Protein backbone atom coordinates (compact mmCIF):
# COMPACT_ATOMS: atom_id res chain seq x y z
CA MET A 1 10.36 -26.23 7.06
CA GLU A 2 7.99 -23.58 8.46
CA TYR A 3 5.87 -20.82 6.95
CA ASN A 4 8.87 -18.52 6.85
CA LEU A 5 9.05 -16.16 3.86
CA ALA A 6 12.74 -16.81 3.17
CA ASP A 7 12.30 -20.58 3.41
CA LEU A 8 9.31 -20.41 1.06
CA PHE A 9 11.17 -18.23 -1.46
CA GLU A 10 14.18 -20.58 -1.45
CA SER A 11 11.89 -23.56 -2.01
CA VAL A 12 10.55 -21.84 -5.15
CA VAL A 13 14.07 -21.00 -6.34
CA ASP A 14 15.07 -24.65 -6.05
CA VAL A 15 12.34 -25.83 -8.45
CA VAL A 16 12.49 -22.99 -11.03
CA PRO A 17 16.05 -21.57 -10.75
CA ASP A 18 16.30 -20.52 -14.40
CA ARG A 19 12.88 -18.88 -14.61
CA GLU A 20 12.93 -15.06 -14.86
CA ALA A 21 11.97 -13.58 -11.51
CA LEU A 22 12.50 -9.83 -11.74
CA VAL A 23 12.63 -7.16 -14.44
CA TYR A 24 13.65 -3.68 -13.32
CA VAL A 25 13.35 -0.53 -15.46
CA ASP A 26 15.72 2.07 -14.02
CA HIS A 27 14.69 5.45 -15.46
CA PRO A 28 11.60 5.19 -17.67
CA GLY A 29 12.36 6.08 -21.26
CA THR A 30 16.11 5.41 -21.10
CA GLY A 31 15.88 1.72 -21.93
CA ARG A 32 18.15 0.82 -19.00
CA GLU A 33 16.91 -2.33 -17.35
CA ARG A 34 18.07 -5.31 -15.33
CA ARG A 35 16.79 -8.89 -15.42
CA LEU A 36 17.37 -11.62 -12.86
CA THR A 37 16.37 -15.26 -12.74
CA TYR A 38 15.22 -16.82 -9.50
CA ALA A 39 18.71 -18.28 -8.96
CA GLU A 40 20.37 -14.91 -9.62
CA LEU A 41 18.05 -13.04 -7.28
CA ASP A 42 18.58 -15.68 -4.60
CA ALA A 43 22.38 -15.44 -4.90
CA ALA A 44 22.25 -11.63 -4.80
CA ALA A 45 20.16 -11.72 -1.62
CA ASN A 46 22.54 -14.29 -0.09
CA ARG A 47 25.51 -11.99 -0.71
CA LEU A 48 23.89 -9.07 1.04
CA ALA A 49 22.58 -11.22 3.89
CA HIS A 50 26.09 -12.55 4.61
CA HIS A 51 27.47 -9.00 4.53
CA LEU A 52 24.89 -7.88 7.10
CA ILE A 53 25.68 -10.82 9.38
CA ASP A 54 29.44 -10.27 8.97
CA SER A 55 28.90 -6.62 9.92
CA GLY A 56 27.64 -7.67 13.36
CA LEU A 57 23.89 -7.55 12.86
CA ARG A 58 22.03 -10.23 14.73
CA PRO A 59 18.68 -12.03 14.36
CA GLY A 60 15.78 -9.88 15.50
CA GLU A 61 17.50 -6.53 14.86
CA HIS A 62 15.76 -4.05 12.59
CA LEU A 63 16.95 -2.77 9.20
CA GLY A 64 15.34 0.20 7.44
CA LEU A 65 14.83 0.40 3.69
CA HIS A 66 15.00 4.08 2.68
CA LEU A 67 14.89 3.43 -1.05
CA TYR A 68 13.16 4.07 -4.32
CA ASN A 69 11.95 1.02 -6.23
CA GLY A 70 14.77 -1.12 -7.55
CA VAL A 71 16.39 -4.53 -7.49
CA GLU A 72 18.15 -3.41 -4.31
CA TYR A 73 14.84 -2.97 -2.51
CA LEU A 74 13.57 -6.52 -3.01
CA GLN A 75 17.10 -7.91 -2.69
CA THR A 76 17.43 -6.21 0.70
CA VAL A 77 14.05 -7.46 1.94
CA LEU A 78 15.04 -11.01 0.98
CA ALA A 79 18.48 -10.56 2.61
CA CYS A 80 16.82 -9.49 5.85
CA LEU A 81 14.49 -12.48 5.80
CA LYS A 82 17.38 -14.86 5.12
CA ALA A 83 19.50 -13.39 7.94
CA ARG A 84 16.49 -13.24 10.32
CA LEU A 85 16.69 -9.45 10.44
CA VAL A 86 13.43 -7.50 10.51
CA PRO A 87 12.83 -5.34 7.41
CA VAL A 88 11.27 -1.93 8.08
CA ASN A 89 9.94 0.25 5.25
CA VAL A 90 10.83 3.96 5.33
CA ASN A 91 8.74 6.58 3.53
CA TYR A 92 11.23 8.35 1.25
CA ARG A 93 9.19 11.57 1.34
CA TYR A 94 9.87 12.05 5.04
CA VAL A 95 11.96 15.04 6.10
CA GLU A 96 14.50 15.07 8.92
CA GLU A 97 12.07 15.33 11.86
CA GLU A 98 9.87 12.52 10.56
CA LEU A 99 12.90 10.33 9.81
CA VAL A 100 14.26 10.83 13.32
CA TYR A 101 10.91 9.72 14.71
CA LEU A 102 10.71 6.60 12.54
CA TYR A 103 14.39 5.60 12.93
CA ARG A 104 14.05 5.87 16.71
CA ASP A 105 10.57 4.37 17.02
CA ALA A 106 11.60 1.38 14.91
CA ASP A 107 14.90 0.91 16.80
CA LEU A 108 16.80 0.68 13.53
CA ALA A 109 20.23 -0.95 13.83
CA ALA A 110 20.96 -0.72 10.10
CA LEU A 111 19.81 1.26 7.10
CA VAL A 112 20.03 0.76 3.34
CA PHE A 113 19.37 4.07 1.58
CA ASP A 114 19.50 5.68 -1.84
CA ALA A 115 22.34 8.18 -2.31
CA GLU A 116 19.81 10.91 -3.09
CA PHE A 117 18.62 10.74 0.52
CA GLY A 118 22.13 10.98 2.00
CA PRO A 119 21.83 14.55 3.33
CA ARG A 120 18.55 13.75 5.11
CA VAL A 121 20.02 10.56 6.57
CA ALA A 122 23.10 12.46 7.73
CA ALA A 123 20.93 15.09 9.44
CA ALA A 124 18.86 12.46 11.25
CA LEU A 125 21.78 10.22 12.21
CA PRO A 126 23.02 12.14 15.32
CA HIS A 127 19.59 11.64 16.92
CA THR A 128 19.41 7.89 16.31
CA GLU A 129 21.92 6.31 18.65
CA LYS A 130 21.05 2.67 17.83
CA LEU A 131 21.66 3.03 14.09
CA ARG A 132 25.18 1.73 13.54
CA HIS A 133 25.46 0.23 10.05
CA LEU A 134 24.65 2.06 6.83
CA VAL A 135 24.71 0.85 3.22
CA ARG A 136 24.33 3.33 0.36
CA VAL A 137 22.81 2.53 -3.04
CA GLY A 138 24.19 4.63 -5.89
CA THR A 139 26.73 7.44 -6.12
CA PRO A 140 26.30 10.51 -3.89
CA ASP A 141 26.39 14.10 -5.07
CA ALA A 142 29.92 15.42 -4.47
CA SER A 143 28.51 18.59 -2.92
CA ALA A 144 26.39 16.64 -0.41
CA PRO A 145 28.01 13.22 0.10
CA GLY A 146 25.95 12.17 3.10
CA PRO A 147 27.08 9.99 6.03
CA ASP A 148 29.91 7.47 6.23
CA CYS A 149 28.64 4.17 4.90
CA VAL A 150 29.39 1.06 2.86
CA PRO A 151 28.57 1.29 -0.87
CA PHE A 152 25.97 -1.29 -1.82
CA THR A 153 28.20 -2.75 -4.54
CA GLU A 154 30.96 -3.37 -1.99
CA ALA A 155 28.53 -4.86 0.53
CA GLU A 156 27.17 -7.22 -2.11
CA ALA A 157 30.62 -8.22 -3.36
CA SER A 158 31.86 -9.03 0.14
CA GLY A 159 29.25 -11.70 0.88
CA SER A 160 29.03 -15.32 -0.20
CA PRO A 161 26.44 -16.20 -2.87
CA GLU A 162 25.70 -19.46 -1.05
CA ARG A 163 23.03 -19.91 1.60
CA GLY A 164 24.34 -21.49 4.78
CA PHE A 165 22.01 -19.64 7.16
CA PRO A 166 20.74 -20.86 10.54
CA ALA A 167 17.24 -22.33 10.79
CA ARG A 168 14.41 -19.82 10.61
CA SER A 169 10.92 -19.68 12.07
CA GLY A 170 7.39 -18.76 11.12
CA ASP A 171 7.52 -16.53 14.20
CA ASP A 172 10.19 -14.29 12.62
CA LEU A 173 8.87 -10.76 12.32
CA PHE A 174 8.07 -8.54 9.36
CA ILE A 175 7.22 -4.93 10.25
CA ILE A 176 5.19 -2.65 7.99
CA TYR A 177 5.14 1.02 8.99
CA THR A 178 1.91 2.70 8.01
CA GLY A 179 1.24 6.41 8.08
CA GLY A 180 -2.50 6.01 7.67
CA THR A 181 -4.37 9.29 7.34
CA THR A 182 -3.57 10.89 10.69
CA GLY A 183 -0.82 10.89 13.31
CA MET A 184 2.73 9.60 13.25
CA PRO A 185 3.52 6.30 11.50
CA LYS A 186 2.96 3.03 13.36
CA GLY A 187 4.89 -0.20 12.91
CA VAL A 188 2.57 -3.17 12.35
CA MET A 189 4.25 -6.33 13.68
CA TRP A 190 3.47 -9.44 11.65
CA ARG A 191 4.57 -12.98 12.31
CA GLN A 192 5.70 -14.21 8.90
CA GLU A 193 3.33 -17.18 9.03
CA ASP A 194 0.38 -14.85 9.63
CA LEU A 195 1.50 -12.48 6.87
CA PHE A 196 1.84 -15.39 4.44
CA PHE A 197 -1.81 -16.34 4.91
CA ALA A 198 -3.39 -12.91 5.45
CA GLY A 199 -1.35 -10.84 2.99
CA LEU A 200 -0.03 -13.40 0.49
CA PHE A 201 -3.16 -15.56 0.23
CA GLY A 202 -1.37 -18.64 1.51
CA GLY A 203 0.54 -18.94 -1.74
CA GLU A 204 -2.61 -19.24 -3.86
CA PRO A 205 -4.32 -15.93 -4.73
CA SER A 206 -7.01 -17.62 -6.83
CA GLY A 207 -7.78 -20.79 -4.90
CA GLU A 208 -7.17 -22.84 -1.77
CA PRO A 209 -4.14 -21.87 0.36
CA VAL A 210 -1.40 -24.44 0.76
CA LYS A 211 -1.75 -26.83 3.66
CA ARG A 212 1.98 -27.53 4.12
CA PRO A 213 4.98 -25.23 3.55
CA GLU A 214 6.46 -27.80 1.15
CA GLU A 215 3.31 -27.71 -0.96
CA LEU A 216 4.16 -24.22 -2.24
CA ALA A 217 7.14 -25.45 -4.29
CA GLU A 218 5.19 -28.50 -5.42
CA ARG A 219 2.52 -26.26 -6.90
CA VAL A 220 5.10 -23.99 -8.53
CA ALA A 221 6.86 -26.98 -10.11
CA ALA A 222 3.58 -28.18 -11.57
CA ARG A 223 2.65 -24.72 -12.84
CA GLY A 224 4.21 -23.16 -15.91
CA ALA A 225 5.57 -19.65 -16.26
CA GLY A 226 3.80 -16.97 -18.25
CA LEU A 227 2.33 -14.52 -15.72
CA THR A 228 3.86 -11.11 -15.05
CA PHE A 229 2.90 -9.03 -12.01
CA PHE A 230 3.50 -5.27 -12.02
CA PRO A 231 3.31 -3.55 -8.62
CA ALA A 232 3.32 0.07 -9.81
CA PRO A 233 3.27 1.98 -6.47
CA PRO A 234 6.42 2.51 -4.38
CA LEU A 235 7.70 -0.68 -2.74
CA MET A 236 8.00 1.30 0.51
CA HIS A 237 4.24 0.79 0.83
CA GLY A 238 3.23 -2.65 2.03
CA THR A 239 0.81 -3.37 -0.80
CA SER A 240 3.55 -3.25 -3.47
CA THR A 241 6.09 -5.38 -1.61
CA LEU A 242 3.39 -7.93 -0.81
CA THR A 243 2.32 -8.01 -4.46
CA ALA A 244 5.91 -8.85 -5.43
CA PHE A 245 6.01 -11.68 -2.89
CA ILE A 246 2.66 -13.01 -4.10
CA ALA A 247 4.26 -13.32 -7.53
CA PHE A 248 7.41 -14.96 -6.13
CA ASP A 249 5.34 -17.48 -4.17
CA TYR A 250 3.48 -18.22 -7.39
CA GLY A 251 6.76 -18.77 -9.25
CA GLN A 252 6.04 -15.97 -11.69
CA ARG A 253 7.72 -12.77 -12.87
CA VAL A 254 7.73 -9.31 -11.26
CA VAL A 255 8.23 -6.05 -13.18
CA ILE A 256 9.03 -2.81 -11.34
CA HIS A 257 9.80 0.79 -12.30
CA ARG A 258 11.94 3.16 -10.27
CA LYS A 259 9.15 5.76 -10.28
CA TYR A 260 5.56 5.93 -11.45
CA VAL A 261 5.31 7.52 -14.91
CA PRO A 262 1.95 6.55 -16.48
CA GLU A 263 3.14 6.65 -20.10
CA GLU A 264 6.10 4.39 -19.33
CA VAL A 265 3.89 2.05 -17.31
CA LEU A 266 1.72 1.54 -20.39
CA ARG A 267 4.74 0.95 -22.61
CA THR A 268 6.03 -1.65 -20.16
CA ILE A 269 2.68 -3.44 -20.02
CA GLU A 270 2.81 -3.77 -23.81
CA LYS A 271 6.51 -4.71 -24.01
CA GLU A 272 6.61 -7.20 -21.12
CA LYS A 273 3.10 -8.62 -21.68
CA VAL A 274 2.06 -7.79 -18.12
CA SER A 275 -0.76 -9.98 -16.81
CA SER A 276 -1.70 -8.11 -13.64
CA ILE A 277 -0.98 -4.57 -12.49
CA SER A 278 -1.68 -3.19 -9.03
CA LEU A 279 -2.17 0.51 -8.31
CA VAL A 280 -3.59 2.66 -5.53
CA GLY A 281 -6.87 4.43 -6.15
CA ASP A 282 -7.87 7.24 -8.48
CA ALA A 283 -4.66 9.21 -7.91
CA MET A 284 -2.69 6.62 -9.89
CA LEU A 285 -5.47 5.46 -12.21
CA ARG A 286 -6.65 8.83 -13.55
CA PRO A 287 -3.24 9.75 -15.06
CA LEU A 288 -3.13 6.26 -16.61
CA ILE A 289 -6.53 6.84 -18.18
CA ASP A 290 -5.42 10.27 -19.45
CA ALA A 291 -2.37 8.69 -21.10
CA LEU A 292 -4.54 5.98 -22.71
CA ARG A 293 -6.87 8.62 -24.11
CA GLY A 294 -4.00 10.82 -25.23
CA PRO A 295 -0.38 10.10 -26.20
CA LEU A 296 -0.58 6.34 -25.58
CA ALA A 297 -3.92 5.70 -27.29
CA GLY A 298 -3.81 2.38 -29.08
CA THR A 299 -1.28 0.76 -26.73
CA ASP A 300 -1.67 -3.02 -26.83
CA LEU A 301 -2.95 -4.03 -23.39
CA SER A 302 -4.40 -7.36 -24.49
CA SER A 303 -2.10 -9.26 -22.11
CA LEU A 304 -3.74 -7.68 -19.05
CA PHE A 305 -5.91 -10.08 -17.11
CA SER A 306 -6.50 -7.82 -14.12
CA ILE A 307 -6.09 -4.22 -12.97
CA SER A 308 -6.42 -3.92 -9.22
CA SER A 309 -6.55 -1.07 -6.74
CA SER A 310 -5.54 -1.60 -3.12
CA GLY A 311 -4.91 0.84 -0.28
CA ALA A 312 -7.36 3.47 -1.57
CA ILE A 313 -10.84 3.16 -3.04
CA MET A 314 -11.21 3.36 -6.81
CA SER A 315 -14.23 5.52 -7.58
CA GLU A 316 -17.00 4.08 -9.75
CA THR A 317 -16.41 6.85 -12.29
CA VAL A 318 -12.78 5.82 -12.75
CA ARG A 319 -13.69 2.14 -12.78
CA ALA A 320 -16.17 2.71 -15.61
CA GLU A 321 -13.70 4.79 -17.62
CA LEU A 322 -11.02 2.15 -17.21
CA HIS A 323 -13.36 -0.67 -18.20
CA ALA A 324 -14.27 1.17 -21.40
CA LEU A 325 -10.59 1.56 -22.31
CA VAL A 326 -9.44 -1.95 -21.27
CA PRO A 327 -12.56 -4.11 -21.65
CA ASN A 328 -10.66 -7.41 -21.58
CA ALA A 329 -9.28 -6.88 -18.05
CA LEU A 330 -10.94 -7.53 -14.71
CA ILE A 331 -11.13 -4.24 -12.78
CA LEU A 332 -10.69 -5.18 -9.12
CA ASN A 333 -11.34 -2.84 -6.20
CA ASN A 334 -9.58 -4.67 -3.37
CA PHE A 335 -9.96 -3.76 0.27
CA GLY A 336 -7.37 -4.33 2.97
CA SER A 337 -4.87 -2.66 5.24
CA SER A 338 -1.43 -2.99 6.79
CA GLU A 339 -3.15 -4.29 9.92
CA SER A 340 -5.31 -6.94 8.25
CA GLY A 341 -3.89 -7.95 4.90
CA SER A 342 -6.78 -8.66 2.53
CA ASN A 343 -10.38 -8.26 3.68
CA GLY A 344 -12.29 -8.65 0.45
CA ARG A 345 -13.27 -7.07 -2.84
CA ALA A 346 -15.87 -4.50 -3.93
CA THR A 347 -19.05 -5.73 -5.54
CA ASP A 348 -19.95 -4.75 -9.10
CA ASP A 349 -22.78 -2.53 -7.88
CA SER A 350 -20.60 -0.35 -5.63
CA GLY A 351 -20.90 3.34 -6.40
CA PRO A 352 -22.20 6.74 -5.26
CA ALA A 353 -25.80 5.50 -5.16
CA THR A 354 -25.17 2.31 -3.17
CA GLY A 355 -21.93 3.02 -1.28
CA PHE A 356 -18.72 1.01 -1.26
CA ARG A 357 -20.07 -2.55 -0.99
CA LEU A 358 -17.69 -5.33 -0.14
CA GLU A 359 -17.70 -9.12 -0.39
CA VAL A 360 -15.58 -9.97 2.65
CA ASN A 361 -13.70 -13.14 3.48
CA GLU A 362 -14.92 -15.40 6.25
CA ARG A 363 -12.47 -13.91 8.75
CA THR A 364 -13.88 -10.36 8.47
CA LYS A 365 -16.86 -9.16 10.55
CA VAL A 366 -18.58 -5.92 11.51
CA VAL A 367 -18.55 -5.64 15.30
CA ASP A 368 -19.50 -3.30 18.12
CA PRO A 369 -16.24 -1.54 19.05
CA VAL A 370 -16.98 -1.85 22.77
CA THR A 371 -18.41 -5.35 23.18
CA TYR A 372 -16.76 -6.85 20.06
CA GLU A 373 -20.03 -8.64 19.31
CA ALA A 374 -21.34 -8.79 15.73
CA VAL A 375 -23.71 -5.92 14.97
CA ALA A 376 -27.28 -6.40 13.79
CA VAL A 377 -28.14 -6.06 10.11
CA GLY A 378 -28.04 -2.37 9.12
CA GLU A 379 -26.42 -1.21 12.35
CA PRO A 380 -23.07 0.64 12.09
CA GLY A 381 -19.99 -0.95 13.61
CA ARG A 382 -16.29 -1.35 13.03
CA LEU A 383 -14.68 -3.77 10.61
CA ALA A 384 -12.66 -6.44 12.40
CA GLN A 385 -10.67 -9.46 11.32
CA ARG A 386 -9.69 -12.61 13.20
CA GLY A 387 -7.13 -15.38 12.91
CA HIS A 388 -3.98 -14.48 11.02
CA VAL A 389 -3.60 -10.91 12.28
CA PRO A 390 -0.58 -8.91 13.52
CA LEU A 391 0.79 -9.08 17.05
CA GLY A 392 0.32 -5.34 17.50
CA TYR A 393 2.12 -2.05 16.96
CA TYR A 394 5.83 -1.93 17.64
CA ASN A 395 6.74 0.21 20.64
CA ASP A 396 3.12 1.25 21.21
CA PRO A 397 1.33 -0.89 23.83
CA GLY A 398 -1.41 1.70 24.26
CA LYS A 399 -2.41 1.75 20.60
CA THR A 400 -2.03 -2.04 20.48
CA ALA A 401 -4.53 -2.42 23.32
CA GLU A 402 -7.01 -0.16 21.46
CA THR A 403 -6.72 -2.04 18.17
CA PHE A 404 -6.03 -5.72 18.93
CA PHE A 405 -8.08 -7.99 21.16
CA GLN A 406 -8.74 -11.63 22.05
CA LYS A 407 -12.15 -13.21 21.53
CA ASP A 408 -13.20 -16.85 21.60
CA GLY A 409 -9.57 -17.95 21.76
CA GLU A 410 -8.53 -16.03 18.64
CA ARG A 411 -6.63 -12.82 17.98
CA TRP A 412 -8.65 -10.04 16.37
CA VAL A 413 -7.77 -6.65 14.91
CA LEU A 414 -10.25 -3.78 15.09
CA LEU A 415 -9.89 -1.69 11.93
CA GLY A 416 -10.56 2.02 11.65
CA ASP A 417 -13.34 1.67 9.08
CA MET A 418 -16.99 1.99 10.04
CA ALA A 419 -19.39 -0.28 8.17
CA THR A 420 -22.78 -1.98 8.09
CA VAL A 421 -23.73 -5.48 6.94
CA ASP A 422 -26.88 -6.61 5.11
CA GLU A 423 -28.89 -9.86 5.13
CA GLN A 424 -26.65 -11.39 2.44
CA GLY A 425 -23.48 -10.64 4.39
CA ILE A 426 -22.43 -7.83 2.04
CA VAL A 427 -20.58 -5.12 3.93
CA THR A 428 -21.01 -1.42 3.11
CA VAL A 429 -17.94 0.53 4.16
CA LEU A 430 -18.90 3.96 5.49
CA GLY A 431 -15.41 5.33 5.98
CA ARG A 432 -12.71 5.93 8.55
CA GLY A 433 -14.20 6.68 11.93
CA SER A 434 -11.39 9.13 12.67
CA GLN A 435 -12.38 11.21 9.62
CA CYS A 436 -16.11 11.18 10.32
CA ILE A 437 -17.69 14.66 10.11
CA ASN A 438 -20.39 15.60 12.64
CA THR A 439 -22.58 18.27 11.09
CA GLY A 440 -25.67 19.24 13.06
CA GLY A 441 -25.61 15.86 14.78
CA GLU A 442 -25.51 13.91 11.52
CA LYS A 443 -22.50 11.77 10.63
CA VAL A 444 -20.87 12.15 7.23
CA TYR A 445 -18.05 9.94 5.99
CA PRO A 446 -15.68 11.70 3.54
CA GLU A 447 -15.28 8.72 1.21
CA GLU A 448 -18.99 8.70 0.36
CA VAL A 449 -18.97 12.40 -0.55
CA GLU A 450 -15.73 12.02 -2.51
CA GLN A 451 -17.34 9.33 -4.68
CA ALA A 452 -20.17 11.74 -5.53
CA LEU A 453 -17.75 14.59 -6.27
CA LYS A 454 -15.62 12.45 -8.59
CA SER A 455 -18.68 11.54 -10.65
CA HIS A 456 -18.85 15.18 -11.78
CA PRO A 457 -17.35 15.38 -15.30
CA ASP A 458 -15.11 18.36 -14.44
CA VAL A 459 -13.69 16.95 -11.17
CA TYR A 460 -10.35 15.21 -11.47
CA ASP A 461 -9.72 14.49 -7.78
CA ALA A 462 -11.23 15.47 -4.46
CA LEU A 463 -10.86 15.17 -0.70
CA VAL A 464 -13.50 16.00 1.89
CA ALA A 465 -12.92 17.25 5.43
CA GLY A 466 -14.89 18.67 8.34
CA VAL A 467 -14.36 22.35 9.16
CA PRO A 468 -15.52 24.05 12.40
CA ASP A 469 -18.85 25.78 11.93
CA PRO A 470 -20.61 28.05 14.51
CA LYS A 471 -24.06 26.76 13.57
CA TRP A 472 -23.53 23.10 12.64
CA GLY A 473 -20.47 22.23 14.74
CA GLN A 474 -18.74 21.18 11.54
CA HIS A 475 -19.61 21.60 7.89
CA VAL A 476 -18.61 19.46 4.94
CA ALA A 477 -15.82 21.06 2.91
CA ALA A 478 -14.73 19.80 -0.51
CA VAL A 479 -11.18 20.37 -1.73
CA VAL A 480 -11.35 19.80 -5.48
CA GLN A 481 -8.84 19.51 -8.32
CA LEU A 482 -10.48 20.21 -11.67
CA ARG A 483 -9.66 18.45 -14.90
CA ALA A 484 -7.22 20.27 -17.15
CA GLY A 485 -9.13 22.72 -19.32
CA ALA A 486 -12.36 22.36 -17.33
CA PRO A 487 -14.43 25.53 -16.84
CA ALA A 488 -14.59 27.14 -13.44
CA LEU A 489 -16.80 25.25 -10.98
CA ASP A 490 -18.72 27.08 -8.28
CA LEU A 491 -20.32 25.82 -5.10
CA ASP A 492 -23.87 26.10 -6.41
CA ALA A 493 -23.15 23.86 -9.39
CA LEU A 494 -21.31 21.34 -7.20
CA GLN A 495 -24.17 21.23 -4.70
CA GLN A 496 -26.72 20.73 -7.46
CA HIS A 497 -24.70 17.76 -8.77
CA CYS A 498 -24.29 16.21 -5.30
CA ARG A 499 -27.96 16.55 -4.31
CA THR A 500 -28.86 13.91 -6.89
CA ARG A 501 -26.54 11.45 -5.15
CA LEU A 502 -26.40 12.42 -1.47
CA ALA A 503 -28.72 13.36 1.37
CA GLY A 504 -28.84 17.12 1.94
CA TYR A 505 -26.74 17.12 5.09
CA LYS A 506 -23.89 15.36 3.22
CA VAL A 507 -23.71 17.95 0.44
CA PRO A 508 -20.58 20.16 0.73
CA ARG A 509 -21.20 23.64 2.12
CA GLN A 510 -17.75 24.86 1.13
CA LEU A 511 -15.68 24.46 -2.03
CA VAL A 512 -11.94 25.03 -2.25
CA LEU A 513 -10.28 24.67 -5.67
CA ALA A 514 -6.72 23.37 -5.49
CA ASP A 515 -4.12 23.10 -8.24
CA GLN A 516 -3.39 19.57 -7.09
CA ILE A 517 -4.73 17.26 -4.39
CA GLN A 518 -2.00 16.25 -1.97
CA ARG A 519 -1.60 12.52 -1.48
CA SER A 520 1.11 10.09 -0.44
CA PRO A 521 3.31 8.57 -3.18
CA SER A 522 1.00 5.55 -3.18
CA GLY A 523 -2.15 7.64 -3.63
CA LYS A 524 -3.47 7.57 -0.06
CA ALA A 525 -5.45 10.59 1.07
CA ASP A 526 -3.76 13.33 3.12
CA TYR A 527 -6.73 14.43 5.21
CA ARG A 528 -4.64 16.62 7.49
CA TRP A 529 -3.66 18.67 4.45
CA ALA A 530 -7.26 18.84 3.18
CA ARG A 531 -8.56 19.93 6.58
CA SER A 532 -5.89 22.62 6.85
CA VAL A 533 -6.55 23.96 3.34
CA ALA A 534 -10.31 24.05 3.91
CA ALA A 535 -10.01 25.68 7.34
CA GLU A 536 -7.68 28.36 5.97
CA ALA A 537 -10.09 29.14 3.15
CA ASN A 538 -13.15 28.80 5.38
CA GLY A 539 -15.83 30.89 3.72
CA PRO A 540 -19.46 31.40 4.72
CA SER A 541 -21.48 28.23 4.97
CA ARG A 542 -24.56 27.80 2.81
CA PRO A 543 -27.72 25.85 3.46
CA SER A 544 -28.05 22.63 1.50
């Protein structure tokens, strides 16, 4: 047995077959749900895996998951792993042009998609010559039936529920496509063994990783049930799928919703006695806080042990509000990426005054991006991680050479975040280098300014971008969404608030009020949108 995700999952199934593995709430508020034990989920994945093999798909070929959250999503990921196919996540918000790019770039041979996306799939299909096998989840609209395909129920029924698969390897691939904040999406290629240790904590999120593949099932057998993990963001984003697999490797239960509806999330936490919920930044947490203060006030959240944010920074303002509402839960600001897995966790003193301070794991360093040597205390560099890191970006040797390197006999990944390190080894994350604003020769990182903006009582959400400026080269522009019912906010008042938290050159010189901040479904910032909105509304700059 190797550190292969399918092998590890099956080893857990064999020791706790009757334990509940997955609870799925279809449409929040309807009461429709589906529950599967580990044995039932395993058999369902076996059926689909055999169908895919019987349809002519071969080990190493790529299958796209163009799906909302559901049993079918996790079932399909497991089926791919069992059949040695490579699962590839597809952002369901993509339109035809973006889908054509991803389908082609990922060399998809098969696709499992929700019926709702049928017309988009059909439009992209003529431009994706390698895509030959399609499976549709759900019933299509009669007026827009979509492409020829196999209904998921038929695919599942045609396959054997037994295993009987060829031997697998820890070298089998798992690809996570990440859109990041700029450019077209990139496929991060992980060996499953590396992903198990870097993204799934080696089977032990709160202690020492396992030292043998067989040890995972031994620990599960010795551990009782009772924990429920709730990955609330879309499974199409790596952080949610990995959260589900962390729970499976721990032998515990996963709860998922089709879509994120804060009120229904709170009801599910109470009903299912959720232990740990993962979300992505303020964009998901603020509506949850609003629901707790409003229609869902008094919801019993006593089962919650932890509330974690990954993939986007949780502001200190939101963290404090959440702690006041759910004082019994640990509020965790995790830091990681599709390219590195987990890097560490924010310190308790992170905030607008101190910056985003991070306790990193032993594999994470701040290095010079040219020499790859560790930077001196207080000097800016790039975050990097060694050891269990990806092989590179699929179909992009140029970007791979820029991001991944060898040093001292180990593989390293150079992340996009600039940072400094202090005498105690605490890292202060400055922000994405690609988003850095150069104003009058001074560097400003949007994340730092956004933290200050969100501490204003009338600001609900904010993004910061650099806009061309004839005097300063660029000026700092704030695109702000106000709280519902908040009075109008002008630039002078915003600047006065920020000057108590930021150096003068970091204070926004332009304010654009937006009805809603545009983010990805998982809450990640859309800086291209913010830059475009600010540039279009570019008013006169003001001294700060």
